[in-house]
N, C-alpha and C. Protein backbone atom coordinates (compact mmCIF):
# COMPACT_ATOMS: atom_id res chain seq x y z
N MET A 1 -12.83 2.75 1.45
CA MET A 1 -11.59 2.33 0.79
C MET A 1 -11.07 1.00 1.25
N LEU A 2 -11.74 0.31 2.08
CA LEU A 2 -11.28 -0.96 2.62
C LEU A 2 -11.50 -2.08 1.54
N GLY A 3 -10.65 -3.03 1.51
CA GLY A 3 -10.77 -4.11 0.55
C GLY A 3 -9.44 -4.42 -0.11
N THR A 4 -9.45 -5.03 -1.29
CA THR A 4 -8.23 -5.33 -1.96
C THR A 4 -7.71 -4.15 -2.72
N GLY A 5 -6.41 -4.13 -2.95
CA GLY A 5 -5.77 -3.09 -3.70
C GLY A 5 -4.55 -3.57 -4.40
N LEU A 6 -3.78 -2.70 -4.93
CA LEU A 6 -2.56 -3.05 -5.67
C LEU A 6 -1.47 -1.99 -5.35
N LEU A 7 -0.32 -2.47 -5.04
CA LEU A 7 0.85 -1.61 -4.83
C LEU A 7 1.61 -1.53 -6.17
N SER A 8 1.98 -0.39 -6.57
CA SER A 8 2.70 -0.22 -7.84
C SER A 8 3.95 0.66 -7.61
N TRP A 9 5.08 0.22 -8.20
CA TRP A 9 6.32 0.98 -8.10
C TRP A 9 7.15 0.71 -9.33
N ASP A 10 8.32 1.34 -9.40
CA ASP A 10 9.20 1.23 -10.55
C ASP A 10 8.48 1.68 -11.81
N ASN A 11 7.80 2.86 -11.72
CA ASN A 11 7.07 3.44 -12.85
C ASN A 11 6.01 2.51 -13.39
N GLY A 12 5.38 1.75 -12.48
CA GLY A 12 4.31 0.83 -12.89
C GLY A 12 4.72 -0.52 -13.42
N ARG A 13 6.06 -0.69 -13.49
CA ARG A 13 6.57 -1.98 -14.02
C ARG A 13 6.46 -3.13 -13.02
N ARG A 14 6.33 -2.75 -11.75
CA ARG A 14 6.23 -3.81 -10.68
C ARG A 14 4.96 -3.57 -9.88
N THR A 15 4.24 -4.62 -9.57
CA THR A 15 3.03 -4.51 -8.77
C THR A 15 2.93 -5.68 -7.80
N MET A 16 2.05 -5.48 -6.81
CA MET A 16 1.86 -6.53 -5.79
C MET A 16 0.44 -6.29 -5.21
N GLY A 17 -0.29 -7.36 -5.02
CA GLY A 17 -1.61 -7.25 -4.41
C GLY A 17 -1.50 -6.93 -2.92
N CYS A 18 -2.58 -6.41 -2.35
CA CYS A 18 -2.63 -6.09 -0.93
C CYS A 18 -4.07 -6.05 -0.44
N VAL A 19 -4.22 -6.04 0.84
CA VAL A 19 -5.52 -5.84 1.48
C VAL A 19 -5.43 -4.55 2.30
N VAL A 20 -6.32 -3.62 2.09
CA VAL A 20 -6.42 -2.36 2.86
C VAL A 20 -7.24 -2.61 4.08
N LEU A 21 -6.67 -2.51 5.25
CA LEU A 21 -7.38 -2.80 6.51
C LEU A 21 -7.98 -1.56 7.14
N ASP A 22 -7.27 -0.46 7.09
CA ASP A 22 -7.69 0.82 7.68
C ASP A 22 -7.29 1.95 6.74
N TRP A 23 -8.09 3.03 6.76
CA TRP A 23 -7.78 4.17 5.85
C TRP A 23 -8.26 5.41 6.58
N ASN A 24 -7.42 6.46 6.59
CA ASN A 24 -7.81 7.73 7.10
C ASN A 24 -7.24 8.85 6.23
N GLN A 25 -7.31 10.08 6.71
CA GLN A 25 -6.90 11.25 5.90
C GLN A 25 -5.39 11.22 5.58
N THR A 26 -4.57 10.65 6.46
CA THR A 26 -3.11 10.79 6.29
C THR A 26 -2.42 9.47 5.94
N GLY A 27 -3.10 8.36 6.07
CA GLY A 27 -2.45 7.10 5.78
C GLY A 27 -3.34 5.88 5.82
N ALA A 28 -2.73 4.73 5.84
CA ALA A 28 -3.49 3.49 5.85
C ALA A 28 -2.68 2.37 6.49
N ARG A 29 -3.37 1.30 6.87
CA ARG A 29 -2.75 0.09 7.35
C ARG A 29 -3.11 -0.99 6.30
N ILE A 30 -2.05 -1.58 5.75
CA ILE A 30 -2.29 -2.58 4.68
C ILE A 30 -1.52 -3.87 4.93
N GLN A 31 -2.02 -4.90 4.32
CA GLN A 31 -1.36 -6.24 4.37
C GLN A 31 -0.91 -6.58 2.91
N PRO A 32 0.39 -6.43 2.62
CA PRO A 32 0.88 -6.75 1.30
C PRO A 32 0.98 -8.25 1.07
N ALA A 33 0.94 -8.67 -0.18
CA ALA A 33 1.05 -10.09 -0.53
C ALA A 33 2.43 -10.62 -0.12
N ASP A 34 3.46 -9.79 -0.14
CA ASP A 34 4.84 -10.25 0.15
C ASP A 34 5.56 -9.12 0.93
N MET A 35 5.70 -9.27 2.23
CA MET A 35 6.39 -8.26 3.05
C MET A 35 7.81 -7.99 2.57
N LEU A 36 8.53 -9.05 2.29
CA LEU A 36 9.94 -8.91 1.90
C LEU A 36 10.14 -8.20 0.58
N GLY A 37 9.22 -8.34 -0.33
CA GLY A 37 9.33 -7.75 -1.63
C GLY A 37 8.70 -6.35 -1.71
N CYS A 38 8.19 -5.86 -0.63
CA CYS A 38 7.48 -4.57 -0.65
C CYS A 38 8.49 -3.43 -0.45
N PRO A 39 8.53 -2.42 -1.37
CA PRO A 39 9.47 -1.33 -1.27
C PRO A 39 9.02 -0.31 -0.23
N GLU A 40 9.89 0.64 0.06
CA GLU A 40 9.63 1.66 1.01
C GLU A 40 8.66 2.76 0.49
N GLN A 41 8.61 2.95 -0.82
CA GLN A 41 7.66 3.89 -1.46
C GLN A 41 7.00 3.24 -2.63
N PHE A 42 5.69 3.51 -2.79
CA PHE A 42 4.93 2.95 -3.88
C PHE A 42 3.63 3.74 -4.03
N THR A 43 2.86 3.44 -5.04
CA THR A 43 1.55 4.01 -5.23
C THR A 43 0.53 2.98 -4.87
N LEU A 44 -0.42 3.30 -4.05
CA LEU A 44 -1.51 2.39 -3.64
C LEU A 44 -2.67 2.66 -4.62
N LEU A 45 -3.13 1.61 -5.29
CA LEU A 45 -4.24 1.67 -6.23
C LEU A 45 -5.40 0.92 -5.60
N THR A 46 -6.56 1.52 -5.52
CA THR A 46 -7.74 0.83 -4.97
C THR A 46 -8.71 0.43 -6.10
N LYS A 47 -9.66 -0.43 -5.74
CA LYS A 47 -10.64 -0.90 -6.73
C LYS A 47 -11.47 0.23 -7.26
N SER A 48 -11.67 1.29 -6.44
CA SER A 48 -12.46 2.41 -6.88
C SER A 48 -11.70 3.38 -7.82
N GLY A 49 -10.42 3.11 -8.07
CA GLY A 49 -9.65 3.92 -8.95
C GLY A 49 -8.77 4.97 -8.28
N THR A 50 -8.81 5.02 -6.95
CA THR A 50 -7.97 5.99 -6.23
C THR A 50 -6.49 5.56 -6.37
N ARG A 51 -5.65 6.57 -6.60
CA ARG A 51 -4.21 6.37 -6.71
C ARG A 51 -3.53 7.28 -5.68
N VAL A 52 -2.82 6.72 -4.70
CA VAL A 52 -2.20 7.54 -3.67
C VAL A 52 -0.75 7.14 -3.47
N PRO A 53 0.20 8.06 -3.69
CA PRO A 53 1.59 7.77 -3.37
C PRO A 53 1.77 7.57 -1.86
N CYS A 54 2.57 6.55 -1.47
CA CYS A 54 2.71 6.17 -0.08
C CYS A 54 4.16 6.02 0.33
N ASP A 55 4.43 6.24 1.58
CA ASP A 55 5.75 6.04 2.20
C ASP A 55 5.54 5.15 3.40
N VAL A 56 6.29 4.02 3.45
CA VAL A 56 6.13 3.11 4.61
C VAL A 56 6.65 3.76 5.88
N ARG A 57 5.85 3.79 6.92
CA ARG A 57 6.23 4.38 8.22
C ARG A 57 6.59 3.33 9.23
N TRP A 58 5.96 2.15 9.15
CA TRP A 58 6.30 1.04 10.05
C TRP A 58 5.90 -0.29 9.41
N ARG A 59 6.60 -1.35 9.89
CA ARG A 59 6.35 -2.73 9.48
C ARG A 59 6.21 -3.56 10.73
N GLU A 60 5.17 -4.36 10.79
CA GLU A 60 4.97 -5.22 11.96
C GLU A 60 4.30 -6.50 11.50
N ASP A 61 4.97 -7.60 11.76
CA ASP A 61 4.46 -8.95 11.32
C ASP A 61 4.18 -8.90 9.79
N LYS A 62 2.92 -9.03 9.41
CA LYS A 62 2.55 -9.04 8.00
C LYS A 62 1.83 -7.72 7.62
N LEU A 63 1.98 -6.66 8.43
CA LEU A 63 1.28 -5.40 8.19
C LEU A 63 2.23 -4.25 7.90
N LEU A 64 1.74 -3.27 7.18
CA LEU A 64 2.48 -2.02 6.94
C LEU A 64 1.59 -0.86 7.35
N GLY A 65 2.23 0.14 7.92
CA GLY A 65 1.59 1.44 8.16
C GLY A 65 2.17 2.39 7.15
N VAL A 66 1.35 3.01 6.34
CA VAL A 66 1.86 3.94 5.31
C VAL A 66 1.30 5.31 5.51
N ARG A 67 2.10 6.30 5.11
CA ARG A 67 1.70 7.69 5.14
C ARG A 67 1.52 8.13 3.70
N PHE A 68 0.41 8.87 3.43
CA PHE A 68 0.15 9.35 2.11
C PHE A 68 1.07 10.56 1.87
N ILE A 69 1.74 10.62 0.67
CA ILE A 69 2.64 11.69 0.33
C ILE A 69 2.23 12.37 -0.92
């Protein structure tokens, strides 16, 4: 699941690119295109078609830690 992805929120009306750095059973570490514009909850869409609702658990520099919900 590593590679580029897309964050989607506001019922799909808003999106933002991202890079997926790590992925496990419960969450992921991602680098969004814009940290300041990134919401607390969104759906992570991967190139392979996976869609996972996420909740931001931590923010550090340009990275996010998210939990799958």
